[in-house]
């Protein structure tokens, strides 16, 4: 039990007023943290407002038809007599390449994250992480060159496709670009699971695979979902690699061996040649608004799924 004199001393110390510069410093740090927290929202809104501002004139122009823009496959922006701005084929190309890339990247990425987190030795982990970081550091244009010069020849040789720049080529290249992100975020999510979960499961006599499947994956599901979403975002937003690896043909693909054009590749290829303030220029910015909306929709669906899992 603390003597009465000591209790009085403790109260005096607790009630002592801190120096003004300490309180001012804390308020400054709090304000800085608050600004950093809302800056992401401000920047995203600013980008959306800028892109939408450039796209509004074409939406108000008389010949432009929003329904035709969304549901037509005809893209003839430089026609002298009948300009048509349909992005349905490019939207299908974007989705086909992204879906194929995720089908390849998610199993490999999550599998590698589980191996790095739970199965490999420390020395092997460090070596593999260096290799993964090296893959993440490769510029997208280099991946495009690989798809154009190496992957295309292999696809023609093993599949008999007439051309090697197609959905399959773009999907493989995007998968290789997305795997490092999925692995890094997925490993962090698995490492964030408290060790008490592992210790309790081992005490119950589970095998290592049961520990991963029944304990770690459910506990880290939010982080793993975030890793997959970052991979999807990389696939949807990638430009140069898919521009060089997919063939840049405007039509709806019917197989993975068909050439396609993605929304991002179309913007990159034509924005530099479109006259400023023209309908063609505005439609390209409207395509950017469509990409922004798609990304927002993916994140909204994922957030809804996470909230539903948490309620259970």
Protein backbone atom coordinates (compact mmCIF):
# COMPACT_ATOMS: atom_id res chain seq x y z
CA UNK A 1 0.00 0.00 0.00
CA UNK A 2 1.37 3.46 -0.95
CA UNK A 3 1.95 5.81 2.02
CA UNK A 4 -0.17 9.00 2.12
CA UNK A 5 2.85 11.20 1.39
CA UNK A 6 3.73 9.23 -1.70
CA UNK A 7 0.11 9.39 -2.95
CA UNK A 8 0.20 13.18 -2.65
CA UNK A 9 3.45 13.30 -4.62
CA UNK A 10 1.96 11.14 -7.37
CA UNK A 11 -1.11 13.41 -7.62
CA UNK A 12 1.09 16.48 -7.82
CA UNK A 13 3.13 14.96 -10.63
CA UNK A 14 0.00 13.90 -12.54
CA UNK A 15 -1.64 17.29 -12.20
CA UNK A 16 1.51 19.22 -13.10
CA UNK A 17 0.97 21.26 -16.24
CA UNK A 18 3.14 20.24 -19.16
CA UNK A 19 5.22 22.89 -20.93
CA UNK A 20 3.38 24.85 -23.59
CA UNK A 21 5.81 23.76 -26.32
CA UNK A 22 5.02 20.10 -25.62
CA UNK A 23 1.27 20.68 -26.03
CA UNK A 24 1.85 22.77 -29.14
CA UNK A 25 4.02 20.01 -30.60
CA UNK A 26 1.36 17.40 -29.93
CA UNK A 27 -1.33 19.53 -31.53
CA UNK A 28 0.92 20.05 -34.56
CA UNK A 29 1.50 16.31 -34.90
CA UNK A 30 -2.24 15.61 -34.56
CA UNK A 31 -3.02 18.19 -37.24
CA UNK A 32 -0.35 16.70 -39.53
CA UNK A 33 -1.76 13.19 -39.08
CA UNK A 34 -5.26 14.49 -39.81
CA UNK A 35 -4.12 16.25 -42.98
CA UNK A 36 -2.29 13.13 -44.16
CA UNK A 37 -5.38 11.07 -43.46
CA UNK A 38 -7.71 13.17 -45.60
CA UNK A 39 -5.16 14.00 -48.30
CA UNK A 40 -5.79 10.72 -50.14
CA UNK A 41 -9.51 11.49 -50.35
CA UNK A 42 -8.79 15.04 -51.52
CA UNK A 43 -6.35 13.88 -54.20
CA UNK A 44 -8.72 11.21 -55.51
CA UNK A 45 -11.61 13.66 -55.69
CA UNK A 46 -9.35 16.21 -57.37
CA UNK A 47 -8.30 13.72 -60.05
CA UNK A 48 -11.91 12.70 -60.66
CA UNK A 49 -13.06 16.34 -60.92
CA UNK A 50 -10.25 17.17 -63.38
CA UNK A 51 -10.99 14.19 -65.63
CA UNK A 52 -14.74 14.80 -65.48
CA UNK A 53 -14.24 18.50 -66.28
CA UNK A 54 -12.41 17.57 -69.48
CA UNK A 55 -15.11 15.04 -70.41
CA UNK A 56 -18.16 17.26 -69.80
CA UNK A 57 -18.02 19.18 -73.12
CA UNK A 58 -18.39 16.00 -75.17
CA UNK A 59 -21.30 14.85 -73.01
CA UNK A 60 -23.09 18.11 -73.85
CA UNK A 61 -22.31 17.99 -77.57
CA UNK A 62 -25.23 17.22 -79.85
CA UNK A 63 -23.91 14.30 -81.96
CA UNK A 64 -22.54 12.37 -78.98
CA UNK A 65 -24.65 9.46 -77.69
CA UNK A 66 -23.83 8.03 -74.25
CA UNK A 67 -25.71 4.80 -74.98
CA UNK A 68 -23.72 4.26 -78.15
CA UNK A 69 -20.52 5.05 -76.26
CA UNK A 70 -21.18 2.33 -73.69
CA UNK A 71 -22.81 -0.36 -75.82
CA UNK A 72 -21.34 0.01 -79.29
CA UNK A 73 -18.27 -1.84 -80.58
CA UNK A 74 -17.57 0.68 -83.37
CA UNK A 75 -14.60 2.96 -82.73
CA UNK A 76 -13.98 5.35 -85.64
CA UNK A 77 -12.97 8.67 -84.04
CA UNK A 78 -11.28 10.10 -87.16
CA UNK A 79 -14.00 9.35 -89.72
CA UNK A 80 -14.81 12.36 -91.89
CA UNK A 81 -18.50 11.56 -92.34
CA UNK A 82 -19.61 9.38 -89.40
CA UNK A 83 -17.56 9.50 -86.23
CA UNK A 84 -18.38 6.67 -83.81
CA UNK A 85 -17.13 6.31 -80.25
CA UNK A 86 -18.03 2.86 -78.93
CA UNK A 87 -15.95 1.38 -76.12
CA UNK A 88 -17.77 -1.91 -75.52
CA UNK A 89 -15.11 -3.93 -77.35
CA UNK A 90 -12.32 -2.22 -75.41
CA UNK A 91 -14.20 -2.74 -72.15
CA UNK A 92 -14.51 -6.44 -73.00
CA UNK A 93 -10.81 -6.52 -73.83
CA UNK A 94 -9.90 -4.93 -70.51
CA UNK A 95 -12.05 -7.36 -68.54
CA UNK A 96 -10.85 -10.43 -70.44
CA UNK A 97 -7.17 -9.63 -69.97
CA UNK A 98 -7.65 -8.69 -66.30
CA UNK A 99 -9.72 -11.79 -65.47
CA UNK A 100 -7.21 -14.11 -67.15
CA UNK A 101 -4.35 -12.37 -65.34
CA UNK A 102 -6.08 -12.81 -61.97
CA UNK A 103 -6.87 -16.47 -62.70
CA UNK A 104 -3.14 -16.99 -63.13
CA UNK A 105 -1.79 -14.55 -60.53
CA UNK A 106 -4.06 -15.12 -57.51
CA UNK A 107 -3.29 -18.84 -56.95
CA UNK A 108 0.42 -18.32 -57.51
CA UNK A 109 0.54 -15.11 -55.48
CA UNK A 110 -1.38 -16.40 -52.47
CA UNK A 111 0.43 -19.74 -52.62
CA UNK A 112 3.79 -17.99 -52.61
CA UNK A 113 2.67 -15.77 -49.72
CA UNK A 114 1.65 -18.83 -47.69
CA UNK A 115 4.94 -20.56 -48.47
CA UNK A 116 7.02 -17.52 -47.50
CA UNK A 117 5.06 -16.97 -44.32
CA UNK A 118 4.69 -20.50 -42.97
CA UNK A 119 6.84 -23.10 -44.72
CA UNK A 120 10.22 -21.88 -45.95
CA UNK A 121 13.36 -21.27 -43.94
CA UNK A 122 14.66 -17.80 -43.11
CA UNK A 123 17.45 -17.97 -45.70
CA UNK A 124 15.10 -19.14 -48.45
CA UNK A 125 12.59 -16.45 -47.51
CA UNK A 126 15.13 -13.67 -47.84
CA UNK A 127 16.31 -14.98 -51.20
CA UNK A 128 12.81 -15.30 -52.60
CA UNK A 129 11.80 -11.87 -51.34
CA UNK A 130 14.73 -10.34 -53.20
CA UNK A 131 13.60 -12.08 -56.39
CA UNK A 132 10.00 -10.91 -55.87
CA UNK A 133 11.11 -7.33 -55.26
CA UNK A 134 13.20 -7.51 -58.41
CA UNK A 135 10.12 -8.56 -60.39
CA UNK A 136 8.19 -5.62 -58.92
CA UNK A 137 10.97 -3.24 -59.98
CA UNK A 138 10.89 -4.24 -63.66
CA UNK A 139 9.35 -1.35 -65.68
CA UNK A 140 6.10 -2.05 -67.48
CA UNK A 141 7.62 -1.22 -70.85
CA UNK A 142 10.18 -4.00 -70.30
CA UNK A 143 7.34 -6.43 -69.61
CA UNK A 144 5.78 -5.19 -72.83
CA UNK A 145 8.96 -5.95 -74.75
CA UNK A 146 9.04 -9.44 -73.22
CA UNK A 147 5.44 -10.03 -74.28
CA UNK A 148 6.08 -8.68 -77.77
CA UNK A 149 9.35 -10.47 -78.53
CA UNK A 150 9.43 -13.59 -76.34
CA UNK A 151 5.93 -14.57 -75.24
CA UNK A 152 4.40 -13.95 -78.66
CA UNK A 153 6.78 -16.41 -80.33
CA UNK A 154 6.15 -19.04 -77.66
CA UNK A 155 2.37 -18.64 -77.99
CA UNK A 156 2.52 -19.03 -81.78
CA UNK A 157 4.77 -22.07 -81.44
CA UNK A 158 2.73 -23.94 -78.80
CA UNK A 159 -0.84 -22.90 -79.67
CA UNK A 160 -0.73 -22.39 -83.41
CA UNK A 161 -2.29 -18.94 -83.11
CA UNK A 162 -1.93 -16.71 -86.17
CA UNK A 163 -0.47 -13.92 -84.03
CA UNK A 164 1.17 -14.06 -80.61
CA UNK A 165 -0.06 -10.70 -79.32
CA UNK A 166 -3.45 -11.52 -77.86
CA UNK A 167 -5.45 -11.97 -74.65
CA UNK A 168 -3.28 -14.88 -73.52
CA UNK A 169 -0.10 -12.88 -73.95
CA UNK A 170 -1.48 -9.87 -72.11
CA UNK A 171 -2.92 -12.05 -69.32
CA UNK A 172 0.40 -13.79 -68.69
CA UNK A 173 2.33 -10.52 -68.68
CA UNK A 174 -0.18 -8.86 -66.33
CA UNK A 175 -0.10 -11.90 -64.06
CA UNK A 176 3.68 -11.66 -63.78
CA UNK A 177 3.33 -7.97 -62.96
CA UNK A 178 0.61 -8.54 -60.35
CA UNK A 179 2.17 -11.49 -58.50
CA UNK A 180 4.78 -9.42 -56.58
CA UNK A 181 2.06 -7.14 -55.18
CA UNK A 182 -0.15 -10.05 -54.14
CA UNK A 183 2.77 -11.89 -52.55
CA UNK A 184 4.01 -8.90 -50.56
CA UNK A 185 0.62 -7.81 -49.22
CA UNK A 186 -0.51 -11.41 -48.67
CA UNK A 187 2.59 -12.28 -46.66
CA UNK A 188 2.15 -9.17 -44.50
CA UNK A 189 -1.48 -10.14 -43.85
CA UNK A 190 -0.49 -13.67 -42.78
CA UNK A 191 2.34 -12.39 -40.59
CA UNK A 192 -0.11 -10.01 -38.89
CA UNK A 193 -2.14 -12.96 -37.52
CA UNK A 194 -1.30 -13.20 -33.77
CA UNK A 195 1.03 -16.03 -32.79
CA UNK A 196 -1.50 -17.07 -30.16
CA UNK A 197 -3.71 -18.38 -32.99
CA UNK A 198 -0.90 -20.60 -34.22
CA UNK A 199 0.00 -21.79 -30.72
CA UNK A 200 -3.61 -22.64 -29.88
CA UNK A 201 -4.06 -24.58 -33.13
CA UNK A 202 -0.81 -26.51 -32.65
CA UNK A 203 -1.84 -27.32 -29.07
CA UNK A 204 -5.00 -28.93 -30.49
CA UNK A 205 -2.83 -31.18 -32.68
CA UNK A 206 -3.61 -29.77 -36.14
CA UNK A 207 -1.29 -30.36 -39.08
CA UNK A 208 0.48 -27.48 -40.77
CA UNK A 209 -1.95 -27.47 -43.70
CA UNK A 210 -4.92 -27.52 -41.33
CA UNK A 211 -3.36 -24.58 -39.52
CA UNK A 212 -3.14 -22.65 -42.78
CA UNK A 213 -6.58 -23.62 -44.11
CA UNK A 214 -8.66 -23.50 -40.93
CA UNK A 215 -6.90 -20.76 -38.93
CA UNK A 216 -4.60 -18.46 -40.87
CA UNK A 217 -6.62 -17.93 -44.04
CA UNK A 218 -9.87 -17.05 -42.20
CA UNK A 219 -7.99 -14.77 -39.80
CA UNK A 220 -6.14 -12.95 -42.62
CA UNK A 221 -9.01 -12.85 -45.13
CA UNK A 222 -9.31 -9.05 -45.12
CA UNK A 223 -5.63 -8.55 -45.86
CA UNK A 224 -5.63 -11.27 -48.51
CA UNK A 225 -8.65 -9.70 -50.17
CA UNK A 226 -6.81 -6.37 -50.19
CA UNK A 227 -3.86 -8.09 -51.87
CA UNK A 228 -6.10 -9.52 -54.59
CA UNK A 229 -7.78 -6.14 -55.12
CA UNK A 230 -4.43 -4.42 -55.55
CA UNK A 231 -3.61 -7.03 -58.16
CA UNK A 232 -6.91 -6.35 -59.93
CA UNK A 233 -6.19 -2.62 -59.81
CA UNK A 234 -2.79 -3.23 -61.37
CA UNK A 235 -4.41 -5.26 -64.12
CA UNK A 236 -7.15 -2.74 -64.91
CA UNK A 237 -4.84 0.26 -64.81
CA UNK A 238 -1.82 -1.13 -66.65
CA UNK A 239 -1.13 0.61 -69.94
CA UNK A 240 2.18 0.11 -71.72
CA UNK A 241 2.52 -3.65 -71.23
CA UNK A 242 -0.96 -4.44 -72.56
CA UNK A 243 -0.53 -1.93 -75.37
CA UNK A 244 2.43 -3.96 -76.64
CA UNK A 245 1.23 -7.47 -75.76
CA UNK A 246 -2.45 -7.63 -76.75
CA UNK A 247 -2.42 -6.69 -80.43
CA UNK A 248 -4.41 -3.45 -80.14
CA UNK A 249 -7.38 -4.72 -82.20
CA UNK A 250 -10.84 -3.28 -81.52
CA UNK A 251 -13.22 -6.22 -81.32
CA UNK A 252 -14.81 -8.42 -78.67
CA UNK A 253 -12.61 -11.48 -78.03
CA UNK A 254 -14.10 -14.95 -78.40
CA UNK A 255 -11.04 -16.86 -77.20
CA UNK A 256 -7.78 -16.18 -75.39
CA UNK A 257 -5.98 -16.25 -78.74
CA UNK A 258 -7.84 -13.18 -80.08
CA UNK A 259 -6.16 -9.79 -80.18
CA UNK A 260 -7.85 -7.02 -78.19
CA UNK A 261 -7.48 -3.39 -77.22
CA UNK A 262 -7.89 -2.22 -73.63
CA UNK A 263 -9.28 1.08 -72.41
CA UNK A 264 -5.98 2.24 -70.97
CA UNK A 265 -4.02 1.29 -74.08
CA UNK A 266 -6.51 3.19 -76.23
CA UNK A 267 -6.08 6.35 -74.16
CA UNK A 268 -2.28 6.08 -74.28
CA UNK A 269 -2.22 5.46 -78.02
CA UNK A 270 -4.62 8.20 -79.12
CA UNK A 271 -4.52 11.03 -76.58
CA UNK A 272 -1.33 12.51 -78.03
CA UNK A 273 -2.89 12.71 -81.50
CA UNK A 274 -6.38 13.94 -80.55
CA UNK A 275 -6.86 17.70 -81.11
CA UNK A 276 -7.44 19.57 -77.86
CA UNK A 277 -11.09 20.40 -77.10
CA UNK A 278 -12.33 18.06 -79.85
CA UNK A 279 -14.94 15.35 -79.35
CA UNK A 280 -12.23 12.71 -79.73
CA UNK A 281 -10.22 14.39 -76.95
CA UNK A 282 -13.26 14.57 -74.66
CA UNK A 283 -14.24 10.94 -75.32
CA UNK A 284 -10.79 9.78 -74.23
CA UNK A 285 -11.22 11.64 -70.95
CA UNK A 286 -14.69 10.13 -70.66
CA UNK A 287 -13.01 6.75 -71.00
CA UNK A 288 -10.88 7.74 -68.02
CA UNK A 289 -14.05 8.49 -66.07
CA UNK A 290 -15.31 5.02 -66.99
CA UNK A 291 -12.08 3.45 -65.73
CA UNK A 292 -12.35 5.44 -62.52
CA UNK A 293 -15.92 4.23 -62.05
CA UNK A 294 -14.92 0.61 -62.67
CA UNK A 295 -12.15 0.81 -60.07
CA UNK A 296 -14.48 2.43 -57.57
CA UNK A 297 -17.07 -0.29 -58.19
CA UNK A 298 -14.54 -3.06 -57.60
CA UNK A 299 -13.47 -1.52 -54.30
CA UNK A 300 -17.09 -0.94 -53.26
CA UNK A 301 -18.01 -4.57 -53.92
CA UNK A 302 -14.95 -5.76 -52.01
CA UNK A 303 -15.76 -3.51 -49.06
CA UNK A 304 -19.32 -4.86 -49.02
CA UNK A 305 -18.01 -8.43 -49.00
CA UNK A 306 -15.61 -7.67 -46.13
CA UNK A 307 -18.36 -6.03 -44.09
CA UNK A 308 -20.59 -9.04 -44.66
CA UNK A 309 -17.83 -11.40 -43.51
CA UNK A 310 -17.26 -9.32 -40.38
CA UNK A 311 -20.95 -9.43 -39.45
CA UNK A 312 -20.88 -13.23 -39.56
